[in-house]
Amino acid sequence: QPFMMSVDRLKVVKAAWVSAGGPVRQPWFSHVGSKTDVLSRIHTGLDEFKAKGLPCPTGLRRAVLAKGEFDFQACLARFGLDESAITPPKECDDHILLQQSNELARARLKMVKAAWIL
């Protein structure tokens, strides 16, 4: 399955998490990394429902881990979830910095330092 389909699956888990009252900032929310990284975060997110005592919608695990095509909007609708709960406002660019890997953040900082010296 394409990488973005994995990200969409993670977004559904995030929407369910926020809808269940889970804290909005979680280390597993990041979309950055390989497809394997994202799939690992999906599993972590699903496991966190039980660990934190939050209600996980019945069938969510099966829906987001199912093989084959994935319809993001249909999955949100099936569980009564709202994408806007996990989408930062357009005017807020901080979410990009918060979701990048440490390696990418260090590379960006090096570029800023280099430009500052020039």
Protein backbone atom coordinates (compact mmCIF):
# COMPACT_ATOMS: atom_id res chain seq x y z
CA GLN A 1 0.00 0.00 0.00
CA PRO A 2 1.24 3.55 -0.68
CA PHE A 3 2.87 5.55 2.13
CA MET A 4 0.06 8.15 2.21
CA MET A 5 -2.49 5.40 2.79
CA SER A 6 -0.54 4.47 5.94
CA VAL A 7 -0.58 8.11 7.02
CA ASP A 8 -4.35 8.22 6.48
CA ARG A 9 -4.74 5.17 8.69
CA LEU A 10 -2.69 6.91 11.40
CA LYS A 11 -4.87 10.02 11.05
CA VAL A 12 -7.97 7.91 11.72
CA VAL A 13 -6.39 6.50 14.89
CA LYS A 14 -5.43 10.04 15.95
CA ALA A 15 -8.97 11.30 15.33
CA ALA A 16 -10.40 8.44 17.40
CA TRP A 17 -7.88 9.17 20.16
CA VAL A 18 -8.76 12.87 20.34
CA SER A 19 -12.47 12.05 20.13
CA ALA A 20 -12.08 9.68 23.10
CA GLY A 21 -10.54 12.50 25.15
CA GLY A 22 -6.89 11.52 24.77
CA PRO A 23 -4.19 14.18 25.11
CA VAL A 24 -3.62 15.98 21.82
CA ARG A 25 0.17 15.75 21.81
CA GLN A 26 1.49 12.22 21.58
CA PRO A 27 4.87 11.03 20.30
CA TRP A 28 3.12 8.53 18.05
CA PHE A 29 1.19 11.30 16.22
CA SER A 30 4.12 12.06 13.89
CA HIS A 31 3.74 11.31 10.18
CA VAL A 32 7.49 11.60 9.61
CA GLY A 33 9.60 8.56 8.80
CA SER A 34 9.30 5.45 6.74
CA LYS A 35 6.15 3.48 6.07
CA THR A 36 7.33 1.00 8.72
CA ASP A 37 7.67 3.86 11.23
CA VAL A 38 4.12 5.03 10.52
CA LEU A 39 2.72 1.51 10.81
CA SER A 40 4.53 1.11 14.14
CA ARG A 41 2.90 4.35 15.35
CA ILE A 42 -0.52 3.04 14.32
CA HIS A 43 0.04 -0.04 16.51
CA THR A 44 1.34 2.14 19.35
CA GLY A 45 -1.68 4.42 19.11
CA LEU A 46 -4.12 1.52 19.15
CA ASP A 47 -2.36 0.01 22.18
CA GLU A 48 -2.44 3.36 24.00
CA PHE A 49 -6.25 3.32 24.14
CA LYS A 50 -6.16 0.37 26.53
CA ALA A 51 -3.06 1.61 28.38
CA LYS A 52 -4.69 4.98 29.10
CA GLY A 53 -8.15 3.56 29.76
CA LEU A 54 -9.76 5.32 26.81
CA PRO A 55 -12.62 3.78 24.83
CA CYS A 56 -11.49 2.57 21.41
CA PRO A 57 -14.29 2.44 18.83
CA THR A 58 -15.38 -1.15 18.19
CA GLY A 59 -13.81 -2.37 14.97
CA LEU A 60 -11.25 0.46 14.69
CA ARG A 61 -8.23 -1.82 15.02
CA ARG A 62 -9.52 -4.16 12.33
CA ALA A 63 -10.46 -1.27 10.02
CA VAL A 64 -7.10 0.53 10.15
CA LEU A 65 -5.01 -2.63 10.01
CA ALA A 66 -6.98 -4.31 7.20
CA LYS A 67 -4.97 -5.17 4.11
CA GLY A 68 -5.79 -3.58 0.78
CA GLU A 69 -7.28 -0.27 -0.20
CA PHE A 70 -8.18 2.24 2.49
CA ASP A 71 -10.82 4.94 2.18
CA PHE A 72 -9.93 7.65 4.68
CA GLN A 73 -13.22 9.59 4.51
CA ALA A 74 -15.35 6.43 4.67
CA CYS A 75 -13.42 5.21 7.72
CA LEU A 76 -13.87 8.56 9.49
CA ALA A 77 -17.59 8.45 8.71
CA ARG A 78 -17.93 4.83 9.85
CA PHE A 79 -16.67 5.72 13.32
CA GLY A 80 -18.26 9.17 13.48
CA LEU A 81 -14.90 10.93 13.59
CA ASP A 82 -14.00 14.45 12.55
CA GLU A 83 -10.75 15.19 10.74
CA SER A 84 -10.77 18.79 11.98
CA ALA A 85 -10.03 17.51 15.50
CA ILE A 86 -6.51 16.61 14.36
CA THR A 87 -5.89 19.28 11.73
CA PRO A 88 -4.07 22.38 12.98
CA PRO A 89 -5.43 25.73 11.81
CA LYS A 90 -4.01 26.88 8.46
CA GLU A 91 -2.31 29.87 10.07
CA CYS A 92 -0.35 27.61 12.43
CA ASP A 93 2.87 26.30 10.87
CA ASP A 94 4.27 25.04 14.20
CA HIS A 95 2.75 21.59 13.60
CA ILE A 96 5.24 21.02 10.78
CA LEU A 97 8.15 21.60 13.13
CA LEU A 98 6.60 19.47 15.87
CA GLN A 99 6.12 16.49 13.55
CA GLN A 100 9.54 16.40 11.94
CA SER A 101 12.23 13.94 12.94
CA ASN A 102 15.15 14.98 15.13
CA GLU A 103 17.48 14.41 12.19
CA LEU A 104 15.49 16.77 9.97
CA ALA A 105 15.29 19.35 12.76
CA ARG A 106 19.08 19.26 13.19
CA ALA A 107 19.56 19.66 9.44
CA ARG A 108 17.24 22.69 9.40
CA LEU A 109 19.08 24.22 12.35
CA LYS A 110 22.43 23.76 10.57
CA MET A 111 21.03 25.57 7.52
CA VAL A 112 19.79 28.45 9.67
CA LYS A 113 23.18 28.70 11.41
CA ALA A 114 25.00 28.67 8.08
CA ALA A 115 22.75 31.39 6.68
CA TRP A 116 23.21 33.45 9.85
CA ILE A 117 27.00 33.36 9.54
CA LEU A 118 26.87 34.52 5.91
